[in-house]
Amino acid sequence: MFSQMMPQRREFYDLLASHSDRVMAASNAVLRLVNSLGTDSRETGELIKEVELNEQSGDKIMAELIALLHKSFITPISRDDIHTLTIELDKILDGLDDVATAVGMYHIKDATPEARE
């Protein structure tokens, strides 16, 4: 009964789901980028930009999550867990963006079989 009186903070779940969606989108773009190396260089720039846009979108979501965390008295799961999950998702996005940036910056034209795997 007490749990029914507690406010439900659906925003946390929605923002975490959006953040993980950005990770999935950036991951898929990096996968397509690596697989396209050595075949079609016209697609490379578009895929790098796609990863960059997903990373920027993830940064905005992370900022919203942290702001919501700071102004919320009650959270649906542990504050530390929300913060840690948000930071870890951002680290993944940053790493994916680093890979895409390196491909563009160093003009990488082909991928090794290990990279494709």
N, C-alpha and C. Protein backbone atom coordinates (compact mmCIF):
# COMPACT_ATOMS: atom_id res chain seq x y z
N MET A 1 0.82 -1.19 0.00
CA MET A 1 0.00 0.00 0.00
C MET A 1 0.87 1.26 0.00
N PHE A 2 1.93 1.24 0.80
CA PHE A 2 2.80 2.41 0.86
C PHE A 2 3.43 2.70 -0.50
N SER A 3 3.77 1.64 -1.23
CA SER A 3 4.41 1.84 -2.54
C SER A 3 3.48 2.53 -3.52
N GLN A 4 2.18 2.37 -3.36
CA GLN A 4 1.23 3.05 -4.24
C GLN A 4 1.19 4.55 -3.98
N MET A 5 1.57 4.95 -2.77
CA MET A 5 1.56 6.37 -2.43
C MET A 5 2.86 7.07 -2.85
N MET A 6 3.89 6.28 -3.15
CA MET A 6 5.17 6.86 -3.58
C MET A 6 5.04 7.36 -5.02
N PRO A 7 5.62 8.50 -5.31
CA PRO A 7 5.55 9.00 -6.69
C PRO A 7 6.37 8.12 -7.63
N GLN A 8 5.84 7.86 -8.78
CA GLN A 8 6.54 7.07 -9.79
C GLN A 8 7.34 8.02 -10.67
N ARG A 9 8.63 7.77 -10.78
CA ARG A 9 9.50 8.62 -11.59
C ARG A 9 9.83 7.89 -12.89
N ARG A 10 8.88 7.85 -13.78
CA ARG A 10 9.03 7.16 -15.06
C ARG A 10 10.12 7.82 -15.92
N GLU A 11 10.42 9.09 -15.65
CA GLU A 11 11.41 9.82 -16.44
C GLU A 11 12.78 9.14 -16.42
N PHE A 12 13.15 8.58 -15.28
CA PHE A 12 14.44 7.91 -15.19
C PHE A 12 14.53 6.75 -16.16
N TYR A 13 13.48 5.93 -16.16
CA TYR A 13 13.48 4.77 -17.06
C TYR A 13 13.46 5.20 -18.52
N ASP A 14 12.68 6.22 -18.82
CA ASP A 14 12.61 6.70 -20.21
C ASP A 14 13.96 7.25 -20.68
N LEU A 15 14.62 8.02 -19.83
CA LEU A 15 15.92 8.59 -20.19
C LEU A 15 16.99 7.51 -20.30
N LEU A 16 16.97 6.54 -19.39
CA LEU A 16 17.94 5.45 -19.48
C LEU A 16 17.71 4.62 -20.74
N ALA A 17 16.46 4.41 -21.10
CA ALA A 17 16.15 3.68 -22.34
C ALA A 17 16.61 4.47 -23.55
N SER A 18 16.40 5.78 -23.55
CA SER A 18 16.86 6.62 -24.66
C SER A 18 18.38 6.61 -24.77
N HIS A 19 19.04 6.64 -23.62
CA HIS A 19 20.51 6.63 -23.61
C HIS A 19 21.02 5.31 -24.18
N SER A 20 20.41 4.21 -23.78
CA SER A 20 20.85 2.92 -24.31
C SER A 20 20.51 2.79 -25.79
N ASP A 21 19.43 3.43 -26.24
CA ASP A 21 19.11 3.44 -27.68
C ASP A 21 20.21 4.16 -28.47
N ARG A 22 20.74 5.25 -27.92
CA ARG A 22 21.84 5.97 -28.58
C ARG A 22 23.08 5.08 -28.66
N VAL A 23 23.34 4.31 -27.61
CA VAL A 23 24.48 3.39 -27.62
C VAL A 23 24.30 2.35 -28.72
N MET A 24 23.10 1.79 -28.83
CA MET A 24 22.84 0.78 -29.86
C MET A 24 22.97 1.38 -31.26
N ALA A 25 22.44 2.58 -31.46
CA ALA A 25 22.51 3.23 -32.77
C ALA A 25 23.97 3.52 -33.15
N ALA A 26 24.74 4.02 -32.19
CA ALA A 26 26.16 4.31 -32.46
C ALA A 26 26.93 3.02 -32.71
N SER A 27 26.62 1.98 -31.96
CA SER A 27 27.28 0.68 -32.15
C SER A 27 27.02 0.13 -33.54
N ASN A 28 25.77 0.21 -33.97
CA ASN A 28 25.41 -0.26 -35.30
C ASN A 28 26.11 0.55 -36.39
N ALA A 29 26.23 1.85 -36.18
CA ALA A 29 26.90 2.70 -37.16
C ALA A 29 28.39 2.36 -37.23
N VAL A 30 29.03 2.11 -36.08
CA VAL A 30 30.45 1.73 -36.08
C VAL A 30 30.63 0.37 -36.76
N LEU A 31 29.73 -0.55 -36.50
CA LEU A 31 29.80 -1.86 -37.15
C LEU A 31 29.69 -1.72 -38.67
N ARG A 32 28.75 -0.90 -39.12
CA ARG A 32 28.61 -0.66 -40.57
C ARG A 32 29.84 0.04 -41.11
N LEU A 33 30.40 0.96 -40.32
CA LEU A 33 31.60 1.69 -40.73
C LEU A 33 32.77 0.74 -40.93
N VAL A 34 33.03 -0.10 -39.95
CA VAL A 34 34.15 -1.04 -40.04
C VAL A 34 33.94 -2.01 -41.19
N ASN A 35 32.72 -2.50 -41.36
CA ASN A 35 32.44 -3.45 -42.44
C ASN A 35 32.49 -2.80 -43.82
N SER A 36 32.29 -1.49 -43.89
CA SER A 36 32.33 -0.81 -45.19
C SER A 36 33.75 -0.41 -45.61
N LEU A 37 34.69 -0.44 -44.66
CA LEU A 37 36.07 -0.09 -44.99
C LEU A 37 36.61 -1.06 -46.03
N GLY A 38 37.23 -0.50 -47.06
CA GLY A 38 37.77 -1.32 -48.13
C GLY A 38 36.78 -1.58 -49.25
N THR A 39 35.54 -1.12 -49.08
CA THR A 39 34.55 -1.35 -50.13
C THR A 39 34.02 -0.04 -50.70
N ASP A 40 33.32 0.73 -49.88
CA ASP A 40 32.68 1.96 -50.36
C ASP A 40 33.07 3.13 -49.48
N SER A 41 34.00 3.95 -49.92
CA SER A 41 34.48 5.06 -49.11
C SER A 41 33.51 6.24 -49.04
N ARG A 42 32.52 6.28 -49.93
CA ARG A 42 31.54 7.38 -49.89
C ARG A 42 30.69 7.32 -48.64
N GLU A 43 30.47 6.13 -48.13
CA GLU A 43 29.63 5.93 -46.97
C GLU A 43 30.36 6.28 -45.66
N THR A 44 31.67 6.29 -45.67
CA THR A 44 32.47 6.46 -44.47
C THR A 44 32.15 7.76 -43.74
N GLY A 45 32.15 8.87 -44.44
CA GLY A 45 31.87 10.16 -43.82
C GLY A 45 30.49 10.23 -43.20
N GLU A 46 29.50 9.65 -43.86
CA GLU A 46 28.14 9.65 -43.34
C GLU A 46 28.04 8.83 -42.05
N LEU A 47 28.73 7.70 -42.03
CA LEU A 47 28.69 6.86 -40.84
C LEU A 47 29.42 7.49 -39.67
N ILE A 48 30.54 8.17 -39.95
CA ILE A 48 31.26 8.88 -38.89
C ILE A 48 30.36 9.97 -38.30
N LYS A 49 29.67 10.68 -39.15
CA LYS A 49 28.76 11.73 -38.70
C LYS A 49 27.61 11.15 -37.88
N GLU A 50 27.11 9.99 -38.29
CA GLU A 50 26.02 9.33 -37.56
C GLU A 50 26.46 8.96 -36.14
N VAL A 51 27.67 8.43 -36.01
CA VAL A 51 28.20 8.09 -34.69
C VAL A 51 28.34 9.35 -33.85
N GLU A 52 28.87 10.40 -34.45
CA GLU A 52 29.07 11.67 -33.75
C GLU A 52 27.74 12.25 -33.26
N LEU A 53 26.71 12.19 -34.08
CA LEU A 53 25.39 12.71 -33.69
C LEU A 53 24.79 11.90 -32.55
N ASN A 54 24.97 10.58 -32.59
CA ASN A 54 24.47 9.74 -31.50
C ASN A 54 25.21 10.03 -30.21
N GLU A 55 26.51 10.28 -30.29
CA GLU A 55 27.29 10.60 -29.10
C GLU A 55 26.85 11.94 -28.51
N GLN A 56 26.62 12.93 -29.36
CA GLN A 56 26.15 14.24 -28.89
C GLN A 56 24.77 14.14 -28.26
N SER A 57 23.91 13.35 -28.88
CA SER A 57 22.57 13.13 -28.33
C SER A 57 22.67 12.43 -26.97
N GLY A 58 23.59 11.47 -26.87
CA GLY A 58 23.80 10.78 -25.59
C GLY A 58 24.29 11.72 -24.51
N ASP A 59 25.14 12.67 -24.88
CA ASP A 59 25.62 13.67 -23.91
C ASP A 59 24.47 14.50 -23.36
N LYS A 60 23.53 14.88 -24.23
CA LYS A 60 22.37 15.66 -23.78
C LYS A 60 21.49 14.84 -22.85
N ILE A 61 21.30 13.58 -23.19
CA ILE A 61 20.49 12.70 -22.34
C ILE A 61 21.17 12.52 -20.98
N MET A 62 22.50 12.34 -20.99
CA MET A 62 23.23 12.20 -19.74
C MET A 62 23.06 13.45 -18.87
N ALA A 63 23.14 14.61 -19.47
CA ALA A 63 22.97 15.85 -18.72
C ALA A 63 21.57 15.93 -18.11
N GLU A 64 20.56 15.52 -18.88
CA GLU A 64 19.19 15.51 -18.37
C GLU A 64 19.05 14.54 -17.20
N LEU A 65 19.65 13.37 -17.33
CA LEU A 65 19.58 12.37 -16.27
C LEU A 65 20.24 12.86 -14.99
N ILE A 66 21.41 13.43 -15.12
CA ILE A 66 22.13 13.92 -13.94
C ILE A 66 21.35 15.07 -13.30
N ALA A 67 20.80 15.97 -14.10
CA ALA A 67 20.00 17.07 -13.56
C ALA A 67 18.77 16.54 -12.83
N LEU A 68 18.10 15.56 -13.43
CA LEU A 68 16.92 14.97 -12.81
C LEU A 68 17.30 14.26 -11.52
N LEU A 69 18.44 13.62 -11.51
CA LEU A 69 18.92 12.94 -10.32
C LEU A 69 19.17 13.93 -9.18
N HIS A 70 19.71 15.09 -9.51
CA HIS A 70 20.01 16.09 -8.49
C HIS A 70 18.77 16.76 -7.93
N LYS A 71 17.71 16.84 -8.71
CA LYS A 71 16.52 17.52 -8.20
C LYS A 71 15.43 16.56 -7.71
N SER A 72 15.72 15.27 -7.75
CA SER A 72 14.74 14.28 -7.28
C SER A 72 15.10 13.79 -5.89
N PHE A 73 14.12 13.81 -5.03
CA PHE A 73 14.32 13.31 -3.68
C PHE A 73 14.21 11.79 -3.65
N ILE A 74 13.24 11.27 -4.42
CA ILE A 74 13.01 9.83 -4.47
C ILE A 74 13.32 9.35 -5.89
N THR A 75 14.08 8.28 -5.97
CA THR A 75 14.42 7.69 -7.27
C THR A 75 13.93 6.24 -7.29
N PRO A 76 13.60 5.72 -8.47
CA PRO A 76 13.05 4.36 -8.55
C PRO A 76 14.07 3.27 -8.22
N ILE A 77 15.34 3.54 -8.45
CA ILE A 77 16.42 2.63 -8.05
C ILE A 77 17.50 3.48 -7.39
N SER A 78 18.50 2.86 -6.87
CA SER A 78 19.55 3.56 -6.15
C SER A 78 20.13 4.72 -6.97
N ARG A 79 20.33 5.85 -6.31
CA ARG A 79 20.92 7.02 -6.96
C ARG A 79 22.30 6.67 -7.54
N ASP A 80 23.08 5.94 -6.76
CA ASP A 80 24.41 5.55 -7.23
C ASP A 80 24.32 4.67 -8.47
N ASP A 81 23.37 3.76 -8.50
CA ASP A 81 23.20 2.88 -9.66
C ASP A 81 22.82 3.68 -10.91
N ILE A 82 21.92 4.63 -10.74
CA ILE A 82 21.51 5.47 -11.87
C ILE A 82 22.71 6.27 -12.38
N HIS A 83 23.45 6.85 -11.46
CA HIS A 83 24.61 7.66 -11.84
C HIS A 83 25.67 6.80 -12.53
N THR A 84 25.97 5.65 -11.96
CA THR A 84 26.98 4.76 -12.53
C THR A 84 26.57 4.28 -13.91
N LEU A 85 25.33 3.87 -14.05
CA LEU A 85 24.84 3.40 -15.35
C LEU A 85 24.92 4.51 -16.40
N THR A 86 24.55 5.70 -16.03
CA THR A 86 24.61 6.84 -16.94
C THR A 86 26.04 7.11 -17.39
N ILE A 87 26.96 7.12 -16.45
CA ILE A 87 28.37 7.38 -16.77
C ILE A 87 28.94 6.27 -17.64
N GLU A 88 28.61 5.03 -17.34
CA GLU A 88 29.13 3.90 -18.13
C GLU A 88 28.58 3.92 -19.55
N LEU A 89 27.31 4.24 -19.72
CA LEU A 89 26.74 4.36 -21.07
C LEU A 89 27.45 5.47 -21.85
N ASP A 90 27.75 6.57 -21.16
CA ASP A 90 28.46 7.66 -21.81
C ASP A 90 29.87 7.25 -22.21
N LYS A 91 30.54 6.47 -21.38
CA LYS A 91 31.89 5.99 -21.72
C LYS A 91 31.87 5.13 -22.97
N ILE A 92 30.84 4.30 -23.10
CA ILE A 92 30.71 3.47 -24.30
C ILE A 92 30.53 4.35 -25.53
N LEU A 93 29.65 5.34 -25.43
CA LEU A 93 29.44 6.26 -26.55
C LEU A 93 30.72 7.01 -26.90
N ASP A 94 31.46 7.43 -25.90
CA ASP A 94 32.72 8.14 -26.15
C ASP A 94 33.72 7.23 -26.87
N GLY A 95 33.79 5.97 -26.46
CA GLY A 95 34.69 5.03 -27.11
C GLY A 95 34.31 4.78 -28.56
N LEU A 96 33.02 4.62 -28.82
CA LEU A 96 32.56 4.43 -30.20
C LEU A 96 32.87 5.66 -31.05
N ASP A 97 32.68 6.84 -30.46
CA ASP A 97 32.99 8.07 -31.18
C ASP A 97 34.49 8.17 -31.45
N ASP A 98 35.31 7.74 -30.50
CA ASP A 98 36.77 7.74 -30.70
C ASP A 98 37.17 6.85 -31.88
N VAL A 99 36.54 5.68 -31.99
CA VAL A 99 36.84 4.77 -33.10
C VAL A 99 36.47 5.43 -34.43
N ALA A 100 35.27 5.98 -34.50
CA ALA A 100 34.82 6.61 -35.75
C ALA A 100 35.70 7.81 -36.10
N THR A 101 36.06 8.61 -35.11
CA THR A 101 36.92 9.77 -35.34
C THR A 101 38.29 9.34 -35.85
N ALA A 102 38.84 8.28 -35.26
CA ALA A 102 40.16 7.78 -35.69
C ALA A 102 40.12 7.31 -37.14
N VAL A 103 39.03 6.65 -37.53
CA VAL A 103 38.91 6.19 -38.93
C VAL A 103 38.97 7.38 -39.87
N GLY A 104 38.27 8.45 -39.53
CA GLY A 104 38.27 9.65 -40.37
C GLY A 104 39.57 10.42 -40.30
N MET A 105 40.10 10.59 -39.12
CA MET A 105 41.30 11.40 -38.92
C MET A 105 42.52 10.77 -39.57
N TYR A 106 42.65 9.47 -39.45
CA TYR A 106 43.84 8.79 -39.98
C TYR A 106 43.58 8.19 -41.36
N HIS A 107 42.45 8.50 -41.94
CA HIS A 107 42.10 8.05 -43.30
C HIS A 107 42.28 6.54 -43.45
N ILE A 108 41.74 5.82 -42.50
CA ILE A 108 41.83 4.36 -42.53
C ILE A 108 40.94 3.85 -43.67
N LYS A 109 41.54 3.10 -44.55
CA LYS A 109 40.82 2.65 -45.75
C LYS A 109 40.39 1.19 -45.71
N ASP A 110 40.98 0.40 -44.81
CA ASP A 110 40.64 -1.01 -44.75
C ASP A 110 40.67 -1.48 -43.30
N ALA A 111 39.92 -2.54 -43.01
CA ALA A 111 39.87 -3.09 -41.66
C ALA A 111 40.44 -4.51 -41.68
N THR A 112 41.07 -4.87 -40.59
CA THR A 112 41.59 -6.22 -40.47
C THR A 112 40.43 -7.18 -40.18
N PRO A 113 40.64 -8.45 -40.44
CA PRO A 113 39.59 -9.43 -40.10
C PRO A 113 39.23 -9.40 -38.60
N GLU A 114 40.23 -9.13 -37.75
CA GLU A 114 39.96 -9.06 -36.32
C GLU A 114 39.06 -7.87 -35.98
N ALA A 115 39.28 -6.76 -36.65
CA ALA A 115 38.43 -5.58 -36.43
C ALA A 115 37.00 -5.84 -36.89
N ARG A 116 36.86 -6.53 -37.99
CA ARG A 116 35.52 -6.86 -38.49
C ARG A 116 34.80 -7.82 -37.56
N GLU A 117 35.57 -8.72 -36.97
CA GLU A 117 34.98 -9.69 -36.07
C GLU A 117 34.50 -9.01 -34.80
